[in-house]
Amino acid sequence: MIEISPALLQSLIAGPLLLADLPEAPAFSYHRLTLPKNIAPLNLEQKLGHLYEEALAQLLESTPAFDLLAKNLQIQKDQHTTVGELDFLLRDLTTGQLIHLELATKFYLAVHSPEENTLTLPGPDARDNYFKKLARLRTHQLQLPTLFKGHLPPEFRDETIVTQNLVYGCLFDHITATTPAAPEHLNPSCRRGKWLTRDQVPAHFPEGTTFQIIPKPLWPVPLELLPNTPLETWSPEKQITRCLMVRVEDHPTPYFIAPPGYPEVHQSSSVLKRVYPS
């Protein structure tokens, strides 16, 4: 049986991060986190973001350098209006600094359009995309303690709060890409993978190649941290309607296998693009 909880916690310490420092919030010094002596089982029957919040909370509570003060702290303008929530509020016991920490775990597939000179970065659910998430993070989530300082709990209103980001994940370039995608604020040392559609598999992998499905709770875990227990095998002959993350024999990076027609038939027309000067 795969011991998922230890792998998840270890991945939060081993990194690397998807995003680098942002103008609004530097990256959190996650290498200071320490594993608990006894790792409590995580609830795997929840969304990936919530799962990683639970895992990070364990690490923060077990790290002597930090005092976890609040988790998922809702900010309300009035009794009927919630404007957002702070993922974590903690104190750095070395400096005494109060920290608002925003956590995310995201995955994006780079789609280049030479004709339009654009780069799109949709997620496995193509309605999500890197640029939309980044804009939301910078203009709203990271700004909450500043914009609504007067609506924080009274004990924190008079303190200076430093906001930091902690965004894990992986960026997948298409298997035919000759240049890695490098969108703004990406960590140059982030995890990398490759992607292709199911109908492209025969052109890039010899018959008989072994593909193993990485379960969603383990998506953020670098392959070198995955347990040696065999994963469920996937056959390219099987039809798929969603992106699958797979481990491919003798390949050091993960792959996403996308349904035919991805991302066009899986995204709305509102997906943002970045246009690059000629």
Foldseek 3Di string as FASTA:
>chain_A
DWPLLVLLLVLQQVADFFFAQDPLAGADPSVQFDAAPDGDDFDPPDDLFVRSLVSVVRRQVRRPQKDWDDAQAWFAPDPVGTQGTQRTWMAGNVVRAIEREAEEEFEWEWDADPVQQWIWTAGLQRQHTDVVVVVCCVPGRSCVCVVRLVRGPPVPSVHDYHYHYGYFYEYAYAPPDPDDDDDPRTDPPHAYHYEDALVCVVVPDPPPWWKFFDDPNCRRRQPVSTDPPGHHTDDSVDADATWTWIDTPPDRHIYIHGHPPPPPVRYDPPRDIDHDDD
